[in-house]
Amino acid sequence: MSSMQQNTTSGLTFGNAPFVDRRQARSETVGGEERRQFGNSYNGLSDAGRELAEAIDAYKVQNRRRYVTTDELLRVIQSLGYAKT
């Protein structure tokens, strides 16, 4: 290793800044919830729209999905009691 790199108990150090290995698995955040990238903004939604948005978010967290397919969205809608007439 060069003089700029030092092997320490906490990992590598480059210059004066410690190297942070972000690939290591981190424990879940406080409360066991997944860290969300975007805030939940349901402002301006109707009650039914808010219920749908919350159900979709819950589905995504429960199934560890960032995006849902059309069929998954349909299942969420049907789980709320909606049906084609």
PDB file of N, CA and C in Angstrom:
ATOM      1  N   MET A   1       0.837  -1.177   0.000  1.00  0.00           N
ATOM      2  CA  MET A   1       0.000   0.000   0.000  1.00  0.00           C
ATOM      3  C   MET A   1       0.881   1.238   0.000  1.00  0.00           C
ATOM      4  N   SER A   2       0.379   2.267  -0.614  1.00  0.00           N
ATOM      5  CA  SER A   2       1.130   3.514  -0.632  1.00  0.00           C
ATOM      6  C   SER A   2       0.976   4.221   0.704  1.00  0.00           C
ATOM      7  N   SER A   3       1.686   5.293   0.895  1.00  0.00           N
ATOM      8  CA  SER A   3       1.580   6.040   2.140  1.00  0.00           C
ATOM      9  C   SER A   3       0.225   6.723   2.265  1.00  0.00           C
ATOM     10  N   MET A   4      -0.513   6.884   1.139  1.00  0.00           N
ATOM     11  CA  MET A   4      -1.840   7.503   1.181  1.00  0.00           C
ATOM     12  C   MET A   4      -2.898   6.517   1.655  1.00  0.00           C
ATOM     13  N   GLN A   5      -2.630   5.201   1.527  1.00  0.00           N
ATOM     14  CA  GLN A   5      -3.591   4.190   1.931  1.00  0.00           C
ATOM     15  C   GLN A   5      -3.073   3.483   3.172  1.00  0.00           C
ATOM     16  N   GLN A   6      -3.892   3.375   4.189  1.00  0.00           N
ATOM     17  CA  GLN A   6      -3.510   2.676   5.396  1.00  0.00           C
ATOM     18  C   GLN A   6      -4.596   1.670   5.732  1.00  0.00           C
ATOM     19  N   ASN A   7      -4.200   0.498   6.145  1.00  0.00           N
ATOM     20  CA  ASN A   7      -5.167  -0.500   6.559  1.00  0.00           C
ATOM     21  C   ASN A   7      -5.436  -0.301   8.039  1.00  0.00           C
ATOM     22  N   THR A   8      -6.651   0.030   8.394  1.00  0.00           N
ATOM     23  CA  THR A   8      -7.014   0.234   9.791  1.00  0.00           C
ATOM     24  C   THR A   8      -8.099  -0.760  10.162  1.00  0.00           C
ATOM     25  N   THR A   9      -8.448  -0.820  11.423  1.00  0.00           N
ATOM     26  CA  THR A   9      -9.487  -1.751  11.859  1.00  0.00           C
ATOM     27  C   THR A   9     -10.848  -1.377  11.303  1.00  0.00           C
ATOM     28  N   SER A  10     -11.055  -0.113  10.966  1.00  0.00           N
ATOM     29  CA  SER A  10     -12.347   0.292  10.428  1.00  0.00           C
ATOM     30  C   SER A  10     -12.363   0.292   8.918  1.00  0.00           C
ATOM     31  N   GLY A  11     -11.297  -0.106   8.272  1.00  0.00           N
ATOM     32  CA  GLY A  11     -11.260  -0.133   6.818  1.00  0.00           C
ATOM     33  C   GLY A  11     -10.068   0.644   6.290  1.00  0.00           C
ATOM     34  N   LEU A  12     -10.146   1.035   5.059  1.00  0.00           N
ATOM     35  CA  LEU A  12      -9.064   1.771   4.432  1.00  0.00           C
ATOM     36  C   LEU A  12      -9.205   3.257   4.699  1.00  0.00           C
ATOM     37  N   THR A  13      -8.074   3.936   4.719  1.00  0.00           N
ATOM     38  CA  THR A  13      -8.065   5.383   4.849  1.00  0.00           C
ATOM     39  C   THR A  13      -7.331   5.946   3.659  1.00  0.00           C
ATOM     40  N   PHE A  14      -7.929   6.874   2.982  1.00  0.00           N
ATOM     41  CA  PHE A  14      -7.319   7.543   1.850  1.00  0.00           C
ATOM     42  C   PHE A  14      -7.032   8.972   2.263  1.00  0.00           C
ATOM     43  N   GLY A  15      -5.762   9.296   2.413  1.00  0.00           N
ATOM     44  CA  GLY A  15      -5.407  10.617   2.927  1.00  0.00           C
ATOM     45  C   GLY A  15      -5.891  10.706   4.356  1.00  0.00           C
ATOM     46  N   ASN A  16      -6.658  11.732   4.668  1.00  0.00           N
ATOM     47  CA  ASN A  16      -7.194  11.908   6.021  1.00  0.00           C
ATOM     48  C   ASN A  16      -8.627  11.408   6.159  1.00  0.00           C
ATOM     49  N   ALA A  17      -9.256  11.067   5.027  1.00  0.00           N
ATOM     50  CA  ALA A  17     -10.662  10.658   5.068  1.00  0.00           C
ATOM     51  C   ALA A  17     -10.767   9.135   5.091  1.00  0.00           C
ATOM     52  N   PRO A  18     -11.547   8.588   6.034  1.00  0.00           N
ATOM     53  CA  PRO A  18     -11.725   7.129   6.064  1.00  0.00           C
ATOM     54  C   PRO A  18     -12.613   6.679   4.900  1.00  0.00           C
ATOM     55  N   PHE A  19     -12.314   5.513   4.377  1.00  0.00           N
ATOM     56  CA  PHE A  19     -13.109   4.933   3.296  1.00  0.00           C
ATOM     57  C   PHE A  19     -14.335   4.271   3.911  1.00  0.00           C
ATOM     58  N   VAL A  20     -15.500   4.602   3.397  1.00  0.00           N
ATOM     59  CA  VAL A  20     -16.746   4.019   3.890  1.00  0.00           C
ATOM     60  C   VAL A  20     -17.252   3.041   2.844  1.00  0.00           C
ATOM     61  N   ASP A  21     -17.305   1.769   3.206  1.00  0.00           N
ATOM     62  CA  ASP A  21     -17.788   0.747   2.290  1.00  0.00           C
ATOM     63  C   ASP A  21     -19.303   0.694   2.388  1.00  0.00           C
ATOM     64  N   ARG A  22     -19.984   1.298   1.421  1.00  0.00           N
ATOM     65  CA  ARG A  22     -21.440   1.385   1.445  1.00  0.00           C
ATOM     66  C   ARG A  22     -22.103   0.101   0.947  1.00  0.00           C
ATOM     67  N   ARG A  23     -21.300  -0.867   0.481  1.00  0.00           N
ATOM     68  CA  ARG A  23     -21.867  -2.119  -0.009  1.00  0.00           C
ATOM     69  C   ARG A  23     -22.232  -3.050   1.118  1.00  0.00           C
ATOM     70  N   GLN A  24     -21.705  -2.819   2.306  1.00  0.00           N
ATOM     71  CA  GLN A  24     -21.990  -3.695   3.427  1.00  0.00           C
ATOM     72  C   GLN A  24     -23.456  -3.577   3.804  1.00  0.00           C
ATOM     73  N   ALA A  25     -24.036  -4.708   4.149  1.00  0.00           N
ATOM     74  CA  ALA A  25     -25.444  -4.715   4.545  1.00  0.00           C
ATOM     75  C   ALA A  25     -25.599  -3.923   5.829  1.00  0.00           C
ATOM     76  N   ARG A  26     -26.529  -2.997   5.812  1.00  0.00           N
ATOM     77  CA  ARG A  26     -26.814  -2.202   7.001  1.00  0.00           C
ATOM     78  C   ARG A  26     -28.088  -2.718   7.635  1.00  0.00           C
ATOM     79  N   SER A  27     -28.170  -2.554   8.926  1.00  0.00           N
ATOM     80  CA  SER A  27     -29.405  -2.947   9.591  1.00  0.00           C
ATOM     81  C   SER A  27     -30.493  -1.957   9.218  1.00  0.00           C
ATOM     82  N   GLU A  28     -31.717  -2.401   9.377  1.00  0.00           N
ATOM     83  CA  GLU A  28     -32.863  -1.543   9.074  1.00  0.00           C
ATOM     84  C   GLU A  28     -32.815  -0.317   9.971  1.00  0.00           C
ATOM     85  N   THR A  29     -33.460   0.738   9.555  1.00  0.00           N
ATOM     86  CA  THR A  29     -33.480   1.966  10.332  1.00  0.00           C
ATOM     87  C   THR A  29     -34.294   1.760  11.597  1.00  0.00           C
ATOM     88  N   VAL A  30     -34.269   2.732  12.475  1.00  0.00           N
ATOM     89  CA  VAL A  30     -34.989   2.656  13.739  1.00  0.00           C
ATOM     90  C   VAL A  30     -36.455   2.370  13.449  1.00  0.00           C
ATOM     91  N   GLY A  31     -37.014   1.456  14.205  1.00  0.00           N
ATOM     92  CA  GLY A  31     -38.413   1.092  14.009  1.00  0.00           C
ATOM     93  C   GLY A  31     -38.587  -0.048  13.024  1.00  0.00           C
ATOM     94  N   GLY A  32     -37.498  -0.495  12.380  1.00  0.00           N
ATOM     95  CA  GLY A  32     -37.565  -1.610  11.457  1.00  0.00           C
ATOM     96  C   GLY A  32     -38.129  -1.257  10.103  1.00  0.00           C
ATOM     97  N   GLU A  33     -38.358   0.028   9.848  1.00  0.00           N
ATOM     98  CA  GLU A  33     -38.915   0.415   8.564  1.00  0.00           C
ATOM     99  C   GLU A  33     -37.810   0.657   7.557  1.00  0.00           C
ATOM    100  N   GLU A  34     -38.135   0.430   6.311  1.00  0.00           N
ATOM    101  CA  GLU A  34     -37.204   0.680   5.222  1.00  0.00           C
ATOM    102  C   GLU A  34     -37.061   2.183   5.033  1.00  0.00           C
ATOM    103  N   ARG A  35     -35.830   2.630   4.756  1.00  0.00           N
ATOM    104  CA  ARG A  35     -35.623   4.046   4.486  1.00  0.00           C
ATOM    105  C   ARG A  35     -36.241   4.392   3.144  1.00  0.00           C
ATOM    106  N   ARG A  36     -37.039   5.425   3.101  1.00  0.00           N
ATOM    107  CA  ARG A  36     -37.717   5.815   1.881  1.00  0.00           C
ATOM    108  C   ARG A  36     -36.929   6.916   1.183  1.00  0.00           C
ATOM    109  N   GLN A  37     -36.832   6.813  -0.124  1.00  0.00           N
ATOM    110  CA  GLN A  37     -36.102   7.809  -0.890  1.00  0.00           C
ATOM    111  C   GLN A  37     -36.905   9.095  -1.038  1.00  0.00           C
ATOM    112  N   PHE A  38     -38.192   8.976  -1.170  1.00  0.00           N
ATOM    113  CA  PHE A  38     -39.052  10.138  -1.376  1.00  0.00           C
ATOM    114  C   PHE A  38     -40.041  10.232  -0.227  1.00  0.00           C
ATOM    115  N   GLY A  39     -40.388  11.447   0.124  1.00  0.00           N
ATOM    116  CA  GLY A  39     -41.378  11.644   1.171  1.00  0.00           C
ATOM    117  C   GLY A  39     -42.756  11.277   0.662  1.00  0.00           C
ATOM    118  N   ASN A  40     -43.619  10.922   1.581  1.00  0.00           N
ATOM    119  CA  ASN A  40     -44.992  10.602   1.205  1.00  0.00           C
ATOM    120  C   ASN A  40     -45.786  11.895   1.154  1.00  0.00           C
ATOM    121  N   SER A  41     -46.127  12.318  -0.025  1.00  0.00           N
ATOM    122  CA  SER A  41     -46.906  13.541  -0.172  1.00  0.00           C
ATOM    123  C   SER A  41     -48.259  13.184  -0.769  1.00  0.00           C
ATOM    124  N   TYR A  42     -49.252  13.131   0.106  1.00  0.00           N
ATOM    125  CA  TYR A  42     -50.594  12.811  -0.348  1.00  0.00           C
ATOM    126  C   TYR A  42     -51.460  14.064  -0.343  1.00  0.00           C
ATOM    127  N   ASN A  43     -50.821  15.215  -0.277  1.00  0.00           N
ATOM    128  CA  ASN A  43     -51.568  16.475  -0.277  1.00  0.00           C
ATOM    129  C   ASN A  43     -52.384  16.585  -1.560  1.00  0.00           C
ATOM    130  N   GLY A  44     -53.596  16.999  -1.408  1.00  0.00           N
ATOM    131  CA  GLY A  44     -54.446  17.212  -2.571  1.00  0.00           C
ATOM    132  C   GLY A  44     -55.159  15.970  -3.074  1.00  0.00           C
ATOM    133  N   LEU A  45     -54.907  14.827  -2.459  1.00  0.00           N
ATOM    134  CA  LEU A  45     -55.601  13.614  -2.886  1.00  0.00           C
ATOM    135  C   LEU A  45     -56.934  13.494  -2.164  1.00  0.00           C
ATOM    136  N   SER A  46     -57.884  12.880  -2.833  1.00  0.00           N
ATOM    137  CA  SER A  46     -59.153  12.569  -2.184  1.00  0.00           C
ATOM    138  C   SER A  46     -58.905  11.467  -1.158  1.00  0.00           C
ATOM    139  N   ASP A  47     -59.886  11.198  -0.340  1.00  0.00           N
ATOM    140  CA  ASP A  47     -59.743  10.117   0.650  1.00  0.00           C
ATOM    141  C   ASP A  47     -59.475   8.780  -0.034  1.00  0.00           C
ATOM    142  N   ALA A  48     -60.192   8.518  -1.131  1.00  0.00           N
ATOM    143  CA  ALA A  48     -59.993   7.263  -1.862  1.00  0.00           C
ATOM    144  C   ALA A  48     -58.612   7.228  -2.514  1.00  0.00           C
ATOM    145  N   GLY A  49     -58.173   8.353  -3.037  1.00  0.00           N
ATOM    146  CA  GLY A  49     -56.839   8.426  -3.646  1.00  0.00           C
ATOM    147  C   GLY A  49     -55.736   8.210  -2.627  1.00  0.00           C
ATOM    148  N   ARG A  50     -55.909   8.775  -1.432  1.00  0.00           N
ATOM    149  CA  ARG A  50     -54.931   8.587  -0.351  1.00  0.00           C
ATOM    150  C   ARG A  50     -54.901   7.129   0.082  1.00  0.00           C
ATOM    151  N   GLU A  51     -56.077   6.506   0.184  1.00  0.00           N
ATOM    152  CA  GLU A  51     -56.151   5.094   0.568  1.00  0.00           C
ATOM    153  C   GLU A  51     -55.414   4.222  -0.450  1.00  0.00           C
ATOM    154  N   LEU A  52     -55.613   4.505  -1.736  1.00  0.00           N
ATOM    155  CA  LEU A  52     -54.928   3.750  -2.786  1.00  0.00           C
ATOM    156  C   LEU A  52     -53.419   3.964  -2.722  1.00  0.00           C
ATOM    157  N   ALA A  53     -52.984   5.210  -2.570  1.00  0.00           N
ATOM    158  CA  ALA A  53     -51.549   5.504  -2.506  1.00  0.00           C
ATOM    159  C   ALA A  53     -50.897   4.808  -1.317  1.00  0.00           C
ATOM    160  N   GLU A  54     -51.561   4.821  -0.167  1.00  0.00           N
ATOM    161  CA  GLU A  54     -51.017   4.152   1.014  1.00  0.00           C
ATOM    162  C   GLU A  54     -50.973   2.639   0.819  1.00  0.00           C
ATOM    163  N   ALA A  55     -51.986   2.076   0.161  1.00  0.00           N
ATOM    164  CA  ALA A  55     -52.008   0.634  -0.099  1.00  0.00           C
ATOM    165  C   ALA A  55     -50.886   0.242  -1.057  1.00  0.00           C
ATOM    166  N   ILE A  56     -50.634   1.072  -2.065  1.00  0.00           N
ATOM    167  CA  ILE A  56     -49.545   0.795  -3.008  1.00  0.00           C
ATOM    168  C   ILE A  56     -48.205   0.878  -2.296  1.00  0.00           C
ATOM    169  N   ASP A  57     -48.017   1.910  -1.469  1.00  0.00           N
ATOM    170  CA  ASP A  57     -46.764   2.039  -0.717  1.00  0.00           C
ATOM    171  C   ASP A  57     -46.558   0.854   0.215  1.00  0.00           C
ATOM    172  N   ALA A  58     -47.616   0.427   0.891  1.00  0.00           N
ATOM    173  CA  ALA A  58     -47.510  -0.729   1.794  1.00  0.00           C
ATOM    174  C   ALA A  58     -47.135  -1.985   1.011  1.00  0.00           C
ATOM    175  N   TYR A  59     -47.736  -2.163  -0.162  1.00  0.00           N
ATOM    176  CA  TYR A  59     -47.407  -3.318  -1.005  1.00  0.00           C
ATOM    177  C   TYR A  59     -45.931  -3.293  -1.398  1.00  0.00           C
ATOM    178  N   LYS A  60     -45.451  -2.120  -1.795  1.00  0.00           N
ATOM    179  CA  LYS A  60     -44.063  -1.996  -2.241  1.00  0.00           C
ATOM    180  C   LYS A  60     -43.090  -2.287  -1.099  1.00  0.00           C
ATOM    181  N   VAL A  61     -43.388  -1.818   0.096  1.00  0.00           N
ATOM    182  CA  VAL A  61     -42.511  -2.080   1.241  1.00  0.00           C
ATOM    183  C   VAL A  61     -42.564  -3.556   1.614  1.00  0.00           C
ATOM    184  N   GLN A  62     -43.773  -4.113   1.678  1.00  0.00           N
ATOM    185  CA  GLN A  62     -43.955  -5.514   2.079  1.00  0.00           C
ATOM    186  C   GLN A  62     -43.258  -6.467   1.105  1.00  0.00           C
ATOM    187  N   ASN A  63     -43.290  -6.131  -0.179  1.00  0.00           N
ATOM    188  CA  ASN A  63     -42.721  -7.010  -1.197  1.00  0.00           C
ATOM    189  C   ASN A  63     -41.362  -6.539  -1.705  1.00  0.00           C
ATOM    190  N   ARG A  64     -40.804  -5.526  -1.036  1.00  0.00           N
ATOM    191  CA  ARG A  64     -39.477  -4.989  -1.367  1.00  0.00           C
ATOM    192  C   ARG A  64     -39.390  -4.638  -2.852  1.00  0.00           C
ATOM    193  N   ARG A  65     -40.361  -3.887  -3.325  1.00  0.00           N
ATOM    194  CA  ARG A  65     -40.428  -3.488  -4.723  1.00  0.00           C
ATOM    195  C   ARG A  65     -40.345  -1.979  -4.819  1.00  0.00           C
ATOM    196  N   ARG A  66     -39.545  -1.478  -5.724  1.00  0.00           N
ATOM    197  CA  ARG A  66     -39.494  -0.046  -5.964  1.00  0.00           C
ATOM    198  C   ARG A  66     -40.631   0.370  -6.899  1.00  0.00           C
ATOM    199  N   TYR A  67     -40.894  -0.463  -7.872  1.00  0.00           N
ATOM    200  CA  TYR A  67     -41.958  -0.203  -8.839  1.00  0.00           C
ATOM    201  C   TYR A  67     -42.879  -1.416  -8.871  1.00  0.00           C
ATOM    202  N   VAL A  68     -44.133  -1.193  -9.215  1.00  0.00           N
ATOM    203  CA  VAL A  68     -45.076  -2.301  -9.319  1.00  0.00           C
ATOM    204  C   VAL A  68     -45.501  -2.462 -10.773  1.00  0.00           C
ATOM    205  N   THR A  69     -45.809  -3.693 -11.145  1.00  0.00           N
ATOM    206  CA  THR A  69     -46.307  -3.962 -12.488  1.00  0.00           C
ATOM    207  C   THR A  69     -47.799  -3.642 -12.531  1.00  0.00           C
ATOM    208  N   THR A  70     -48.346  -3.636 -13.710  1.00  0.00           N
ATOM    209  CA  THR A  70     -49.774  -3.375 -13.865  1.00  0.00           C
ATOM    210  C   THR A  70     -50.592  -4.442 -13.144  1.00  0.00           C
ATOM    211  N   ASP A  71     -50.184  -5.695 -13.238  1.00  0.00           N
ATOM    212  CA  ASP A  71     -50.918  -6.768 -12.548  1.00  0.00           C
ATOM    213  C   ASP A  71     -50.833  -6.611 -11.031  1.00  0.00           C
ATOM    214  N   GLU A  72     -49.682  -6.184 -10.522  1.00  0.00           N
ATOM    215  CA  GLU A  72     -49.556  -5.950  -9.082  1.00  0.00           C
ATOM    216  C   GLU A  72     -50.457  -4.791  -8.646  1.00  0.00           C
ATOM    217  N   LEU A  73     -50.510  -3.752  -9.452  1.00  0.00           N
ATOM    218  CA  LEU A  73     -51.388  -2.617  -9.155  1.00  0.00           C
ATOM    219  C   LEU A  73     -52.848  -3.072  -9.133  1.00  0.00           C
ATOM    220  N   LEU A  74     -53.218  -3.915 -10.088  1.00  0.00           N
ATOM    221  CA  LEU A  74     -54.578  -4.447 -10.127  1.00  0.00           C
ATOM    222  C   LEU A  74     -54.892  -5.234  -8.856  1.00  0.00           C
ATOM    223  N   ARG A  75     -53.940  -6.057  -8.390  1.00  0.00           N
ATOM    224  CA  ARG A  75     -54.160  -6.827  -7.158  1.00  0.00           C
ATOM    225  C   ARG A  75     -54.355  -5.898  -5.956  1.00  0.00           C
ATOM    226  N   VAL A  76     -53.582  -4.811  -5.900  1.00  0.00           N
ATOM    227  CA  VAL A  76     -53.737  -3.862  -4.791  1.00  0.00           C
ATOM    228  C   VAL A  76     -55.119  -3.227  -4.846  1.00  0.00           C
ATOM    229  N   ILE A  77     -55.543  -2.820  -6.025  1.00  0.00           N
ATOM    230  CA  ILE A  77     -56.861  -2.198  -6.187  1.00  0.00           C
ATOM    231  C   ILE A  77     -57.960  -3.180  -5.793  1.00  0.00           C
ATOM    232  N   GLN A  78     -57.824  -4.430  -6.237  1.00  0.00           N
ATOM    233  CA  GLN A  78     -58.833  -5.439  -5.885  1.00  0.00           C
ATOM    234  C   GLN A  78     -58.827  -5.727  -4.386  1.00  0.00           C
ATOM    235  N   SER A  79     -57.654  -5.660  -3.763  1.00  0.00           N
ATOM    236  CA  SER A  79     -57.582  -5.909  -2.315  1.00  0.00           C
ATOM    237  C   SER A  79     -58.321  -4.834  -1.522  1.00  0.00           C
ATOM    238  N   LEU A  80     -58.513  -3.668  -2.143  1.00  0.00           N
ATOM    239  CA  LEU A  80     -59.271  -2.590  -1.487  1.00  0.00           C
ATOM    240  C   LEU A  80     -60.772  -2.745  -1.708  1.00  0.00           C
ATOM    241  N   GLY A  81     -61.173  -3.755  -2.499  1.00  0.00           N
ATOM    242  CA  GLY A  81     -62.578  -4.036  -2.710  1.00  0.00           C
ATOM    243  C   GLY A  81     -63.138  -3.562  -4.048  1.00  0.00           C
ATOM    244  N   TYR A  82     -62.296  -2.986  -4.878  1.00  0.00           N
ATOM    245  CA  TYR A  82     -62.771  -2.528  -6.184  1.00  0.00           C
ATOM    246  C   TYR A  82     -62.893  -3.720  -7.137  1.00  0.00           C
ATOM    247  N   ALA A  83     -63.916  -3.702  -7.966  1.00  0.00           N
ATOM    248  CA  ALA A  83     -64.139  -4.774  -8.936  1.00  0.00           C
ATOM    249  C   ALA A  83     -64.733  -4.188 -10.206  1.00  0.00           C
ATOM    250  N   LYS A  84     -64.424  -4.802 -11.313  1.00  0.00           N
ATOM    251  CA  LYS A  84     -64.982  -4.390 -12.598  1.00  0.00           C
ATOM    252  C   LYS A  84     -66.446  -4.813 -12.660  1.00  0.00           C
ATOM    253  N   THR A  85     -67.304  -3.895 -13.074  1.00  0.00           N
ATOM    254  CA  THR A  85     -68.731  -4.238 -13.144  1.00  0.00           C
ATOM    255  C   THR A  85     -69.203  -4.244 -14.576  1.00  0.00           C
TER     256      THR A  85
END
